[in-house]
Amino acid sequence: MDMVNQLSDGKTKAFAKHCFERHSRDELEDAAKGSPDQAEMKHWGITPGQWEEAVTAALADHQAPS
């Protein structure tokens, strides 16, 4: 989780870690194409920008060669 670990904001990093651990690459690709999820933003206390940053970081880590 190199990209996730590089996030400096605690809430964004926690949500990104959750996304990486709970969602598949395909699910994150679909999420990245759509609008930020209002329910997740409310639950995690994050902004649309933080949501997008977290999803992008989690997706990048899923796409990284292992």
C-alpha atoms as a PDB file:
ATOM      1  CA  MET A   1       0.000   0.000   0.000  1.00  0.00           C
ATOM      2  CA  ASP A   2       2.694   2.464  -0.980  1.00  0.00           C
ATOM      3  CA  MET A   3       0.333   5.134  -2.311  1.00  0.00           C
ATOM      4  CA  VAL A   4      -2.068   4.802   0.616  1.00  0.00           C
ATOM      5  CA  ASN A   5       0.799   5.073   3.100  1.00  0.00           C
ATOM      6  CA  GLN A   6       1.984   8.293   1.453  1.00  0.00           C
ATOM      7  CA  LEU A   7      -1.274  10.095   2.211  1.00  0.00           C
ATOM      8  CA  SER A   8      -0.741  12.687   4.926  1.00  0.00           C
ATOM      9  CA  ASP A   9      -4.326  13.344   6.040  1.00  0.00           C
ATOM     10  CA  GLY A  10      -5.419  10.811   8.661  1.00  0.00           C
ATOM     11  CA  LYS A  11      -9.056  10.551   7.571  1.00  0.00           C
ATOM     12  CA  THR A  12      -8.125  10.221   3.905  1.00  0.00           C
ATOM     13  CA  LYS A  13      -5.528   7.561   4.704  1.00  0.00           C
ATOM     14  CA  ALA A  14      -7.961   5.586   6.882  1.00  0.00           C
ATOM     15  CA  PHE A  15     -10.614   5.633   4.155  1.00  0.00           C
ATOM     16  CA  ALA A  16      -8.053   4.704   1.478  1.00  0.00           C
ATOM     17  CA  LYS A  17      -6.895   1.732   3.567  1.00  0.00           C
ATOM     18  CA  HIS A  18     -10.528   0.671   3.984  1.00  0.00           C
ATOM     19  CA  CYS A  19     -11.060   0.938   0.213  1.00  0.00           C
ATOM     20  CA  PHE A  20      -7.935  -1.079  -0.544  1.00  0.00           C
ATOM     21  CA  GLU A  21      -8.827  -3.847   1.895  1.00  0.00           C
ATOM     22  CA  ARG A  22     -12.562  -4.074   1.181  1.00  0.00           C
ATOM     23  CA  HIS A  23     -12.900  -3.413  -2.555  1.00  0.00           C
ATOM     24  CA  SER A  24     -11.564  -5.099  -5.653  1.00  0.00           C
ATOM     25  CA  ARG A  25      -9.640  -3.352  -8.400  1.00  0.00           C
ATOM     26  CA  ASP A  26     -12.742  -3.442 -10.624  1.00  0.00           C
ATOM     27  CA  GLU A  27     -14.928  -1.919  -7.899  1.00  0.00           C
ATOM     28  CA  LEU A  28     -12.431   0.883  -7.353  1.00  0.00           C
ATOM     29  CA  GLU A  29     -12.158   1.528 -11.095  1.00  0.00           C
ATOM     30  CA  ASP A  30     -15.941   1.901 -11.265  1.00  0.00           C
ATOM     31  CA  ALA A  31     -15.947   4.169  -8.199  1.00  0.00           C
ATOM     32  CA  ALA A  32     -13.212   6.363  -9.678  1.00  0.00           C
ATOM     33  CA  LYS A  33     -15.300   6.889 -12.826  1.00  0.00           C
ATOM     34  CA  GLY A  34     -18.341   8.055 -10.855  1.00  0.00           C
ATOM     35  CA  SER A  35     -19.132  10.739  -8.345  1.00  0.00           C
ATOM     36  CA  PRO A  36     -17.987  10.602  -4.730  1.00  0.00           C
ATOM     37  CA  ASP A  37     -20.280   8.479  -2.591  1.00  0.00           C
ATOM     38  CA  GLN A  38     -22.270  10.779  -0.308  1.00  0.00           C
ATOM     39  CA  ALA A  39     -22.928   8.111   2.324  1.00  0.00           C
ATOM     40  CA  GLU A  40     -19.246   7.185   2.574  1.00  0.00           C
ATOM     41  CA  MET A  41     -18.208  10.824   2.812  1.00  0.00           C
ATOM     42  CA  LYS A  42     -20.672  11.404   5.628  1.00  0.00           C
ATOM     43  CA  HIS A  43     -19.662   8.220   7.461  1.00  0.00           C
ATOM     44  CA  TRP A  44     -15.932   8.937   7.208  1.00  0.00           C
ATOM     45  CA  GLY A  45     -16.222  12.711   7.665  1.00  0.00           C
ATOM     46  CA  ILE A  46     -14.361  13.471   4.448  1.00  0.00           C
ATOM     47  CA  THR A  47     -14.781  15.899   1.557  1.00  0.00           C
ATOM     48  CA  PRO A  48     -15.303  14.969  -2.105  1.00  0.00           C
ATOM     49  CA  GLY A  49     -11.621  15.754  -2.730  1.00  0.00           C
ATOM     50  CA  GLN A  50     -10.517  13.470   0.089  1.00  0.00           C
ATOM     51  CA  TRP A  51     -12.821  10.717  -1.186  1.00  0.00           C
ATOM     52  CA  GLU A  52     -11.344  10.989  -4.691  1.00  0.00           C
ATOM     53  CA  GLU A  53      -7.772  11.039  -3.359  1.00  0.00           C
ATOM     54  CA  ALA A  54      -8.394   7.948  -1.237  1.00  0.00           C
ATOM     55  CA  VAL A  55     -10.063   5.967  -4.021  1.00  0.00           C
ATOM     56  CA  THR A  56      -7.297   6.943  -6.454  1.00  0.00           C
ATOM     57  CA  ALA A  57      -4.559   5.886  -4.020  1.00  0.00           C
ATOM     58  CA  ALA A  58      -6.264   2.570  -3.236  1.00  0.00           C
ATOM     59  CA  LEU A  59      -6.745   1.861  -6.938  1.00  0.00           C
ATOM     60  CA  ALA A  60      -3.110   2.712  -7.701  1.00  0.00           C
ATOM     61  CA  ASP A  61      -1.985   0.263  -5.050  1.00  0.00           C
ATOM     62  CA  HIS A  62      -4.216  -2.466  -6.505  1.00  0.00           C
ATOM     63  CA  GLN A  63      -2.722  -1.809  -9.948  1.00  0.00           C
ATOM     64  CA  ALA A  64       0.895  -1.784  -8.762  1.00  0.00           C
ATOM     65  CA  PRO A  65       2.911  -4.848  -9.659  1.00  0.00           C
ATOM     66  CA  SER A  66       3.505  -7.111  -6.698  1.00  0.00           C
END
